[in-house]
Each structure stands twice: as C-alpha cells, then as structure tokens.
Amino acid sequence: MDKFKFNKKTDELFKAVISLKNVREAEVFFRDLCTIEEIREMSERWQIAKMVNQSLPYREIAKKLEVSTTTVARVALWLNNGAGGYRLMLNRQKAHHNSSAAFKKS
C-alpha cells in the first residue's frame, strides 16, 4: 500500500479551505466539493472526536450518534495517535470559546 503524501494539489485545496470567510461560504464550497454522504461522514467524525475528548463512553457516543463502536474507536485512535489535527482544532475551539466567554463577561 502506498503511503499518502501531500502535494501541490492538496496544498491548493487546503489554501482554498483556509480562504473561506464564514460558515455559509464553507457550506456552499463543501457542498460543491463533496457528496452529501461525505459531508455527513466528516461532520459525524467531528462530533465523535468532540465527545471522545469529553471522555464520554464509546457505547454512549455510538448510541447517541447512531454509529458503530468501531467508528468511535477509529476516530478515537486518530484523535489520540494521529497527526494532531483533531487536537489542534479542539484546542483552538476551546480557546475561542473561552475568549468569547471572557469577552461577554466584560
């Protein structure tokens, strides 16, 4: 099996993604780029990652999201042993949430 390598094509895709300015722009771009099922699967994985990060039991996550425990375990594996992308975004969202909460209290 060939190991995946990022290249100019993937870099161009990621540059397009980071140029999106808001959720609406992301919605229309991803809708054109991906199938509905691909968007559902990515959204599902992100919800699983957030719930695993909250230390919810795998069976509870699987039941709540109507996915298999194998899917939950796979996402948990990448969360804990992957390239760090899930962790990066979880930390970034936590920091954003904390700064937004602090701003509202001021």
C-alpha atoms as a PDB file:
ATOM      1  CA  MET A   1       0.000   0.000   0.000  1.00  0.00           C
ATOM      2  CA  ASP A   2       1.352   3.412  -0.997  1.00  0.00           C
ATOM      3  CA  LYS A   3       1.744   5.963   1.728  1.00  0.00           C
ATOM      4  CA  PHE A   4      -0.250   9.138   1.122  1.00  0.00           C
ATOM      5  CA  LYS A   5       1.803  12.260   0.574  1.00  0.00           C
ATOM      6  CA  PHE A   6       0.577  15.813   0.476  1.00  0.00           C
ATOM      7  CA  ASN A   7       1.433  17.589  -2.738  1.00  0.00           C
ATOM      8  CA  LYS A   8       0.716  20.717  -4.776  1.00  0.00           C
ATOM      9  CA  LYS A   9      -2.868  19.619  -5.462  1.00  0.00           C
ATOM     10  CA  THR A  10      -3.644  19.034  -1.787  1.00  0.00           C
ATOM     11  CA  ASP A  11      -1.923  22.289  -0.840  1.00  0.00           C
ATOM     12  CA  GLU A  12      -4.146  24.148  -3.314  1.00  0.00           C
ATOM     13  CA  LEU A  13      -7.239  22.540  -1.806  1.00  0.00           C
ATOM     14  CA  PHE A  14      -6.199  23.463   1.742  1.00  0.00           C
ATOM     15  CA  LYS A  15      -5.412  27.039   0.676  1.00  0.00           C
ATOM     16  CA  ALA A  16      -8.926  27.264  -0.772  1.00  0.00           C
ATOM     17  CA  VAL A  17     -10.376  25.974   2.513  1.00  0.00           C
ATOM     18  CA  ILE A  18      -8.477  28.448   4.684  1.00  0.00           C
ATOM     19  CA  SER A  19      -9.578  31.311   2.436  1.00  0.00           C
ATOM     20  CA  LEU A  20     -13.248  30.695   3.321  1.00  0.00           C
ATOM     21  CA  LYS A  21     -14.572  33.615   5.349  1.00  0.00           C
ATOM     22  CA  ASN A  22     -17.619  32.181   7.125  1.00  0.00           C
ATOM     23  CA  VAL A  23     -19.836  29.149   7.647  1.00  0.00           C
ATOM     24  CA  ARG A  24     -22.046  29.971   4.663  1.00  0.00           C
ATOM     25  CA  GLU A  25     -19.040  30.081   2.331  1.00  0.00           C
ATOM     26  CA  ALA A  26     -17.858  26.761   3.771  1.00  0.00           C
ATOM     27  CA  GLU A  27     -21.311  25.235   3.274  1.00  0.00           C
ATOM     28  CA  VAL A  28     -21.502  26.118  -0.407  1.00  0.00           C
ATOM     29  CA  PHE A  29     -17.883  25.187  -1.122  1.00  0.00           C
ATOM     30  CA  PHE A  30     -18.079  21.806   0.591  1.00  0.00           C
ATOM     31  CA  ARG A  31     -21.473  21.104  -0.970  1.00  0.00           C
ATOM     32  CA  ASP A  32     -19.930  21.511  -4.410  1.00  0.00           C
ATOM     33  CA  LEU A  33     -16.733  19.672  -3.458  1.00  0.00           C
ATOM     34  CA  CYS A  34     -18.181  16.685  -1.589  1.00  0.00           C
ATOM     35  CA  THR A  35     -21.150  14.374  -1.767  1.00  0.00           C
ATOM     36  CA  ILE A  36     -23.839  14.731   0.898  1.00  0.00           C
ATOM     37  CA  GLU A  37     -22.644  11.432   2.391  1.00  0.00           C
ATOM     38  CA  GLU A  38     -19.037  12.659   2.599  1.00  0.00           C
ATOM     39  CA  ILE A  39     -20.172  15.812   4.397  1.00  0.00           C
ATOM     40  CA  ARG A  40     -22.291  13.722   6.794  1.00  0.00           C
ATOM     41  CA  GLU A  41     -19.368  11.393   7.498  1.00  0.00           C
ATOM     42  CA  MET A  42     -16.937  14.242   8.160  1.00  0.00           C
ATOM     43  CA  SER A  43     -19.490  16.001  10.391  1.00  0.00           C
ATOM     44  CA  GLU A  44     -20.088  12.750  12.248  1.00  0.00           C
ATOM     45  CA  ARG A  45     -16.361  12.185  12.809  1.00  0.00           C
ATOM     46  CA  TRP A  46     -16.008  15.693  14.201  1.00  0.00           C
ATOM     47  CA  GLN A  47     -18.901  15.126  16.638  1.00  0.00           C
ATOM     48  CA  ILE A  48     -17.328  11.820  17.699  1.00  0.00           C
ATOM     49  CA  ALA A  49     -13.950  13.492  18.260  1.00  0.00           C
ATOM     50  CA  LYS A  50     -15.551  16.169  20.444  1.00  0.00           C
ATOM     51  CA  MET A  51     -17.406  13.563  22.509  1.00  0.00           C
ATOM     52  CA  VAL A  52     -14.348  11.306  22.899  1.00  0.00           C
ATOM     53  CA  ASN A  53     -12.423  14.385  24.008  1.00  0.00           C
ATOM     54  CA  GLN A  54     -15.076  14.885  26.713  1.00  0.00           C
ATOM     55  CA  SER A  55     -14.332  11.310  27.868  1.00  0.00           C
ATOM     56  CA  LEU A  56     -17.819  10.028  27.097  1.00  0.00           C
ATOM     57  CA  PRO A  57     -18.034   6.227  26.907  1.00  0.00           C
ATOM     58  CA  TYR A  58     -17.737   4.825  23.381  1.00  0.00           C
ATOM     59  CA  ARG A  59     -21.053   2.973  23.647  1.00  0.00           C
ATOM     60  CA  GLU A  60     -22.840   6.158  24.711  1.00  0.00           C
ATOM     61  CA  ILE A  61     -21.347   8.062  21.765  1.00  0.00           C
ATOM     62  CA  ALA A  62     -22.252   5.271  19.352  1.00  0.00           C
ATOM     63  CA  LYS A  63     -25.824   5.150  20.604  1.00  0.00           C
ATOM     64  CA  LYS A  64     -26.306   8.918  20.621  1.00  0.00           C
ATOM     65  CA  LEU A  65     -24.898   9.390  17.107  1.00  0.00           C
ATOM     66  CA  GLU A  66     -26.216   6.091  15.743  1.00  0.00           C
ATOM     67  CA  VAL A  67     -22.787   4.853  14.667  1.00  0.00           C
ATOM     68  CA  SER A  68     -20.856   1.696  15.423  1.00  0.00           C
ATOM     69  CA  THR A  69     -18.452   1.485  18.338  1.00  0.00           C
ATOM     70  CA  THR A  70     -15.839   0.584  15.703  1.00  0.00           C
ATOM     71  CA  THR A  71     -16.322   4.003  14.118  1.00  0.00           C
ATOM     72  CA  VAL A  72     -15.983   5.674  17.514  1.00  0.00           C
ATOM     73  CA  ALA A  73     -12.826   3.676  18.252  1.00  0.00           C
ATOM     74  CA  ARG A  74     -11.349   4.598  14.867  1.00  0.00           C
ATOM     75  CA  VAL A  75     -11.913   8.314  15.451  1.00  0.00           C
ATOM     76  CA  ALA A  76     -10.507   7.975  18.979  1.00  0.00           C
ATOM     77  CA  LEU A  77      -7.410   6.311  17.557  1.00  0.00           C
ATOM     78  CA  TRP A  78      -6.792   9.240  15.217  1.00  0.00           C
ATOM     79  CA  LEU A  79      -7.603  11.743  17.968  1.00  0.00           C
ATOM     80  CA  ASN A  80      -5.041  10.182  20.284  1.00  0.00           C
ATOM     81  CA  ASN A  81      -2.428   8.899  17.811  1.00  0.00           C
ATOM     82  CA  GLY A  82      -2.972  10.755  14.556  1.00  0.00           C
ATOM     83  CA  ALA A  83      -1.214  13.750  13.071  1.00  0.00           C
ATOM     84  CA  GLY A  84      -2.687  16.105  15.689  1.00  0.00           C
ATOM     85  CA  GLY A  85      -5.357  17.752  13.555  1.00  0.00           C
ATOM     86  CA  TYR A  86      -8.295  16.851  15.772  1.00  0.00           C
ATOM     87  CA  ARG A  87      -6.403  18.006  18.868  1.00  0.00           C
ATOM     88  CA  LEU A  88      -5.376  21.260  17.160  1.00  0.00           C
ATOM     89  CA  MET A  89      -8.967  22.137  16.330  1.00  0.00           C
ATOM     90  CA  LEU A  90     -10.362  21.029  19.697  1.00  0.00           C
ATOM     91  CA  ASN A  91      -7.826  23.233  21.470  1.00  0.00           C
ATOM     92  CA  ARG A  92      -8.476  26.115  19.104  1.00  0.00           C
ATOM     93  CA  GLN A  93     -12.232  25.896  19.612  1.00  0.00           C
ATOM     94  CA  LYS A  94     -11.760  25.685  23.375  1.00  0.00           C
ATOM     95  CA  ALA A  95      -9.547  28.791  23.321  1.00  0.00           C
ATOM     96  CA  HIS A  96     -12.045  30.604  21.091  1.00  0.00           C
ATOM     97  CA  HIS A  97     -14.924  29.627  23.384  1.00  0.00           C
ATOM     98  CA  ASN A  98     -13.006  30.759  26.466  1.00  0.00           C
ATOM     99  CA  SER A  99     -12.074  34.105  24.916  1.00  0.00           C
ATOM    100  CA  SER A 100     -15.663  34.640  23.725  1.00  0.00           C
ATOM    101  CA  ALA A 101     -16.978  33.846  27.214  1.00  0.00           C
ATOM    102  CA  ALA A 102     -14.486  36.239  28.803  1.00  0.00           C
ATOM    103  CA  PHE A 103     -15.459  38.960  26.327  1.00  0.00           C
ATOM    104  CA  LYS A 104     -19.166  38.530  27.147  1.00  0.00           C
ATOM    105  CA  LYS A 105     -18.448  38.868  30.898  1.00  0.00           C
ATOM    106  CA  SER A 106     -16.638  42.194  30.395  1.00  0.00           C
END
